[in-house]
Amino acid sequence: MPEIESKGKTVIEAIDNGLCLLGCRKEDAEIRIVSEGSAGLFGLMGSKPAVVLISADDSKCSNKVATESDQKKFDNKSNPN
């Protein structure tokens, strides 16, 4: 059962990113919220991304394991700073 850490500006975005990387539907995954993130000062300085851990049964995922470069692509898209 692969497990990935996914990040996003919001918890929903972090979940969506992780599900996309695993190729799973939300119903087929176990999702744990690590951090809900924060907007920071005026939404500019000190912001922290939301972080979730997502795991799913291999038989229910189209992509068995997300590559490190795939994860970085989503992390950079979610947190351009």
C-alpha atoms as a PDB file:
ATOM      1  CA  MET A   1       0.000   0.000   0.000  1.00  0.00           C
ATOM      2  CA  PRO A   2       1.839   3.142  -1.161  1.00  0.00           C
ATOM      3  CA  GLU A   3       1.701   6.203   1.049  1.00  0.00           C
ATOM      4  CA  ILE A   4       2.645   9.671  -0.066  1.00  0.00           C
ATOM      5  CA  GLU A   5       2.870  13.069   1.564  1.00  0.00           C
ATOM      6  CA  SER A   6       1.129  15.718  -0.473  1.00  0.00           C
ATOM      7  CA  LYS A   7       1.063  19.500  -0.055  1.00  0.00           C
ATOM      8  CA  GLY A   8      -1.197  22.287  -1.254  1.00  0.00           C
ATOM      9  CA  LYS A   9      -2.386  25.787  -0.418  1.00  0.00           C
ATOM     10  CA  THR A  10      -5.445  24.200   1.210  1.00  0.00           C
ATOM     11  CA  VAL A  11      -6.226  20.745   2.565  1.00  0.00           C
ATOM     12  CA  ILE A  12      -8.529  20.120  -0.405  1.00  0.00           C
ATOM     13  CA  GLU A  13      -5.767  21.031  -2.867  1.00  0.00           C
ATOM     14  CA  ALA A  14      -3.275  18.810  -1.028  1.00  0.00           C
ATOM     15  CA  ILE A  15      -5.730  15.889  -1.163  1.00  0.00           C
ATOM     16  CA  ASP A  16      -6.447  16.455  -4.850  1.00  0.00           C
ATOM     17  CA  ASN A  17      -2.714  16.581  -5.644  1.00  0.00           C
ATOM     18  CA  GLY A  18      -2.044  13.354  -3.765  1.00  0.00           C
ATOM     19  CA  LEU A  19      -4.986  11.494  -5.302  1.00  0.00           C
ATOM     20  CA  CYS A  20      -3.819  12.571  -8.744  1.00  0.00           C
ATOM     21  CA  LEU A  21      -0.293  11.317  -8.053  1.00  0.00           C
ATOM     22  CA  LEU A  22      -1.601   7.949  -6.856  1.00  0.00           C
ATOM     23  CA  GLY A  23      -4.266   7.712  -9.539  1.00  0.00           C
ATOM     24  CA  CYS A  24      -6.954   6.985  -6.937  1.00  0.00           C
ATOM     25  CA  ARG A  25     -10.411   8.183  -6.065  1.00  0.00           C
ATOM     26  CA  LYS A  26     -11.057   9.708  -2.656  1.00  0.00           C
ATOM     27  CA  GLU A  27     -13.351   6.793  -1.763  1.00  0.00           C
ATOM     28  CA  ASP A  28     -10.495   4.330  -2.336  1.00  0.00           C
ATOM     29  CA  ALA A  29      -7.885   6.148  -0.231  1.00  0.00           C
ATOM     30  CA  GLU A  30      -7.095   6.676   3.416  1.00  0.00           C
ATOM     31  CA  ILE A  31      -6.348  10.335   4.085  1.00  0.00           C
ATOM     32  CA  ARG A  32      -4.737  11.798   7.196  1.00  0.00           C
ATOM     33  CA  ILE A  33      -4.331  15.530   7.674  1.00  0.00           C
ATOM     34  CA  VAL A  34      -0.886  16.371   9.037  1.00  0.00           C
ATOM     35  CA  SER A  35      -1.213  20.168   8.876  1.00  0.00           C
ATOM     36  CA  GLU A  36      -4.007  22.457   7.734  1.00  0.00           C
ATOM     37  CA  GLY A  37      -1.459  25.102   6.750  1.00  0.00           C
ATOM     38  CA  SER A  38      -1.735  28.837   7.249  1.00  0.00           C
ATOM     39  CA  ALA A  39      -2.057  31.868   5.025  1.00  0.00           C
ATOM     40  CA  GLY A  40       0.605  33.865   6.827  1.00  0.00           C
ATOM     41  CA  LEU A  41       0.745  37.628   7.160  1.00  0.00           C
ATOM     42  CA  PHE A  42      -1.613  39.188   4.599  1.00  0.00           C
ATOM     43  CA  GLY A  43      -1.369  35.946   2.635  1.00  0.00           C
ATOM     44  CA  LEU A  44       2.186  36.836   1.601  1.00  0.00           C
ATOM     45  CA  MET A  45       4.805  36.151   4.260  1.00  0.00           C
ATOM     46  CA  GLY A  46       5.100  33.125   6.491  1.00  0.00           C
ATOM     47  CA  SER A  47       2.541  31.008   4.706  1.00  0.00           C
ATOM     48  CA  LYS A  48       2.703  27.260   5.293  1.00  0.00           C
ATOM     49  CA  PRO A  49       1.206  24.649   2.986  1.00  0.00           C
ATOM     50  CA  ALA A  50      -1.413  22.143   4.051  1.00  0.00           C
ATOM     51  CA  VAL A  51       0.074  18.639   4.338  1.00  0.00           C
ATOM     52  CA  VAL A  52      -1.753  15.310   4.074  1.00  0.00           C
ATOM     53  CA  LEU A  53      -0.703  11.662   4.031  1.00  0.00           C
ATOM     54  CA  ILE A  54      -2.580   9.516   1.538  1.00  0.00           C
ATOM     55  CA  SER A  55      -2.442   5.756   1.216  1.00  0.00           C
ATOM     56  CA  ALA A  56      -4.446   3.391  -0.955  1.00  0.00           C
ATOM     57  CA  ASP A  57      -4.581  -0.250  -1.974  1.00  0.00           C
ATOM     58  CA  ASP A  58      -2.433  -0.947  -5.066  1.00  0.00           C
ATOM     59  CA  SER A  59      -5.334  -2.608  -6.849  1.00  0.00           C
ATOM     60  CA  LYS A  60      -7.364   0.612  -6.662  1.00  0.00           C
ATOM     61  CA  CYS A  61      -4.652   2.931  -8.015  1.00  0.00           C
ATOM     62  CA  SER A  62      -3.614   3.471 -11.604  1.00  0.00           C
ATOM     63  CA  ASN A  63      -0.173   4.869 -10.637  1.00  0.00           C
ATOM     64  CA  LYS A  64       1.349   2.526  -8.080  1.00  0.00           C
ATOM     65  CA  VAL A  65       4.026   4.957  -6.855  1.00  0.00           C
ATOM     66  CA  ALA A  66       4.461   8.638  -7.531  1.00  0.00           C
ATOM     67  CA  THR A  67       7.958   9.577  -8.554  1.00  0.00           C
ATOM     68  CA  GLU A  68       9.934  12.135  -6.595  1.00  0.00           C
ATOM     69  CA  SER A  69       9.883  14.496  -9.591  1.00  0.00           C
ATOM     70  CA  ASP A  70       6.076  14.216  -9.770  1.00  0.00           C
ATOM     71  CA  GLN A  71       5.828  15.150  -6.083  1.00  0.00           C
ATOM     72  CA  LYS A  72       8.152  18.135  -6.567  1.00  0.00           C
ATOM     73  CA  LYS A  73       6.084  19.302  -9.536  1.00  0.00           C
ATOM     74  CA  PHE A  74       2.940  19.384  -7.405  1.00  0.00           C
ATOM     75  CA  ASP A  75       4.751  20.933  -4.432  1.00  0.00           C
ATOM     76  CA  ASN A  76       6.152  23.734  -6.595  1.00  0.00           C
ATOM     77  CA  LYS A  77       2.774  24.338  -8.215  1.00  0.00           C
ATOM     78  CA  SER A  78       1.094  24.545  -4.803  1.00  0.00           C
ATOM     79  CA  ASN A  79       3.743  26.656  -3.116  1.00  0.00           C
ATOM     80  CA  PRO A  80       5.568  28.872  -5.660  1.00  0.00           C
ATOM     81  CA  ASN A  81       7.608  30.698  -2.986  1.00  0.00           C
END
